[in-house]
């Protein structure tokens, strides 16, 4: 299995969460994702409401894995969301 690499456009160093789709890493702002998608809004709300410290998504070594979506589909969503 090859090591995941950072996306050349959708890896924003100042953003809050790292996601992995297939072998690509994306670092994205949770507030922007939450405003664009109920799925992300609910995911971040559940983490905040649980009172648990967020561990997944805080680094390239421990990204949030998004299963069941292709890189192409996710990048289309990002293009529509981030412009």
C-alpha atoms as a PDB file:
ATOM      1  CA  UNK A   1       0.000   0.000   0.000  1.00  0.00           C
ATOM      2  CA  UNK A   2       1.444   3.365  -0.992  1.00  0.00           C
ATOM      3  CA  UNK A   3       1.799   6.225   1.440  1.00  0.00           C
ATOM      4  CA  UNK A   4      -0.885   8.895   1.167  1.00  0.00           C
ATOM      5  CA  UNK A   5       0.217  12.216  -0.289  1.00  0.00           C
ATOM      6  CA  UNK A   6      -1.022  15.749   0.286  1.00  0.00           C
ATOM      7  CA  UNK A   7      -3.334  17.170  -2.342  1.00  0.00           C
ATOM      8  CA  UNK A   8      -1.613  20.057  -4.178  1.00  0.00           C
ATOM      9  CA  UNK A   9      -4.672  22.350  -3.945  1.00  0.00           C
ATOM     10  CA  UNK A  10      -6.955  21.102  -1.151  1.00  0.00           C
ATOM     11  CA  UNK A  11      -4.396  20.812   1.629  1.00  0.00           C
ATOM     12  CA  UNK A  12      -4.722  24.072   3.556  1.00  0.00           C
ATOM     13  CA  UNK A  13      -2.030  24.181   6.247  1.00  0.00           C
ATOM     14  CA  UNK A  14      -4.011  26.569   8.460  1.00  0.00           C
ATOM     15  CA  UNK A  15      -7.141  24.380   8.372  1.00  0.00           C
ATOM     16  CA  UNK A  16      -8.382  22.124  11.118  1.00  0.00           C
ATOM     17  CA  UNK A  17      -8.873  18.534   9.911  1.00  0.00           C
ATOM     18  CA  UNK A  18      -7.020  16.039   7.729  1.00  0.00           C
ATOM     19  CA  UNK A  19      -9.089  13.649   5.617  1.00  0.00           C
ATOM     20  CA  UNK A  20      -7.978  10.734   3.487  1.00  0.00           C
ATOM     21  CA  UNK A  21      -9.786   9.548   0.365  1.00  0.00           C
ATOM     22  CA  UNK A  22      -8.055   6.666  -1.372  1.00  0.00           C
ATOM     23  CA  UNK A  23      -4.332   7.614  -1.224  1.00  0.00           C
ATOM     24  CA  UNK A  24      -4.801  11.407  -1.048  1.00  0.00           C
ATOM     25  CA  UNK A  25      -4.783  13.689   2.013  1.00  0.00           C
ATOM     26  CA  UNK A  26      -6.870  16.853   2.265  1.00  0.00           C
ATOM     27  CA  UNK A  27      -6.587  19.389   5.087  1.00  0.00           C
ATOM     28  CA  UNK A  28      -9.827  21.321   5.303  1.00  0.00           C
ATOM     29  CA  UNK A  29     -11.716  23.772   7.486  1.00  0.00           C
ATOM     30  CA  UNK A  30     -14.438  22.098   9.545  1.00  0.00           C
ATOM     31  CA  UNK A  31     -16.674  25.194   9.588  1.00  0.00           C
ATOM     32  CA  UNK A  32     -16.705  25.441   5.783  1.00  0.00           C
ATOM     33  CA  UNK A  33     -17.397  21.722   5.416  1.00  0.00           C
ATOM     34  CA  UNK A  34     -20.162  21.940   8.024  1.00  0.00           C
ATOM     35  CA  UNK A  35     -21.863  24.795   6.217  1.00  0.00           C
ATOM     36  CA  UNK A  36     -21.719  22.909   2.895  1.00  0.00           C
ATOM     37  CA  UNK A  37     -22.770  19.442   4.053  1.00  0.00           C
ATOM     38  CA  UNK A  38     -25.145  18.034   6.660  1.00  0.00           C
ATOM     39  CA  UNK A  39     -22.978  14.917   6.833  1.00  0.00           C
ATOM     40  CA  UNK A  40     -19.929  16.928   7.922  1.00  0.00           C
ATOM     41  CA  UNK A  41     -22.029  19.144  10.209  1.00  0.00           C
ATOM     42  CA  UNK A  42     -23.417  16.080  11.997  1.00  0.00           C
ATOM     43  CA  UNK A  43     -19.993  14.429  12.170  1.00  0.00           C
ATOM     44  CA  UNK A  44     -18.354  17.459  13.797  1.00  0.00           C
ATOM     45  CA  UNK A  45     -21.343  18.070  16.102  1.00  0.00           C
ATOM     46  CA  UNK A  46     -21.244  14.465  17.329  1.00  0.00           C
ATOM     47  CA  UNK A  47     -17.550  14.807  18.158  1.00  0.00           C
ATOM     48  CA  UNK A  48     -18.106  18.078  20.036  1.00  0.00           C
ATOM     49  CA  UNK A  49     -21.134  16.753  21.924  1.00  0.00           C
ATOM     50  CA  UNK A  50     -19.360  13.585  23.034  1.00  0.00           C
ATOM     51  CA  UNK A  51     -16.862  15.570  25.092  1.00  0.00           C
ATOM     52  CA  UNK A  52     -14.074  13.371  23.763  1.00  0.00           C
ATOM     53  CA  UNK A  53     -10.869  14.873  22.537  1.00  0.00           C
ATOM     54  CA  UNK A  54     -10.676  14.688  18.778  1.00  0.00           C
ATOM     55  CA  UNK A  55      -7.810  12.492  17.692  1.00  0.00           C
ATOM     56  CA  UNK A  56      -8.677  11.417  14.181  1.00  0.00           C
ATOM     57  CA  UNK A  57      -8.038  14.136  11.665  1.00  0.00           C
ATOM     58  CA  UNK A  58      -5.511  16.068  13.714  1.00  0.00           C
ATOM     59  CA  UNK A  59      -2.478  14.960  11.687  1.00  0.00           C
ATOM     60  CA  UNK A  60      -1.393  13.327   8.445  1.00  0.00           C
ATOM     61  CA  UNK A  61      -0.573  10.215  10.474  1.00  0.00           C
ATOM     62  CA  UNK A  62      -4.139   9.918  11.793  1.00  0.00           C
ATOM     63  CA  UNK A  63      -6.502  11.284   9.132  1.00  0.00           C
ATOM     64  CA  UNK A  64     -10.254  10.846   9.032  1.00  0.00           C
ATOM     65  CA  UNK A  65     -10.789   8.133   6.426  1.00  0.00           C
ATOM     66  CA  UNK A  66     -13.740   8.776   4.124  1.00  0.00           C
ATOM     67  CA  UNK A  67     -14.881   5.413   2.798  1.00  0.00           C
ATOM     68  CA  UNK A  68     -17.332   4.812  -0.011  1.00  0.00           C
ATOM     69  CA  UNK A  69     -16.417   7.896  -2.032  1.00  0.00           C
ATOM     70  CA  UNK A  70     -13.952   8.233  -4.883  1.00  0.00           C
ATOM     71  CA  UNK A  71     -11.289  10.922  -5.089  1.00  0.00           C
ATOM     72  CA  UNK A  72     -12.992  12.320  -8.186  1.00  0.00           C
ATOM     73  CA  UNK A  73     -16.355  12.651  -6.433  1.00  0.00           C
ATOM     74  CA  UNK A  74     -14.810  14.186  -3.301  1.00  0.00           C
ATOM     75  CA  UNK A  75     -12.775  16.671  -5.329  1.00  0.00           C
ATOM     76  CA  UNK A  76     -15.900  17.699  -7.238  1.00  0.00           C
ATOM     77  CA  UNK A  77     -17.568  18.400  -3.874  1.00  0.00           C
ATOM     78  CA  UNK A  78     -14.494  20.398  -2.787  1.00  0.00           C
ATOM     79  CA  UNK A  79     -14.453  22.366  -6.025  1.00  0.00           C
ATOM     80  CA  UNK A  80     -18.098  23.321  -5.519  1.00  0.00           C
ATOM     81  CA  UNK A  81     -17.506  24.118  -1.837  1.00  0.00           C
ATOM     82  CA  UNK A  82     -14.206  25.993  -1.980  1.00  0.00           C
ATOM     83  CA  UNK A  83     -14.414  27.322  -5.526  1.00  0.00           C
END
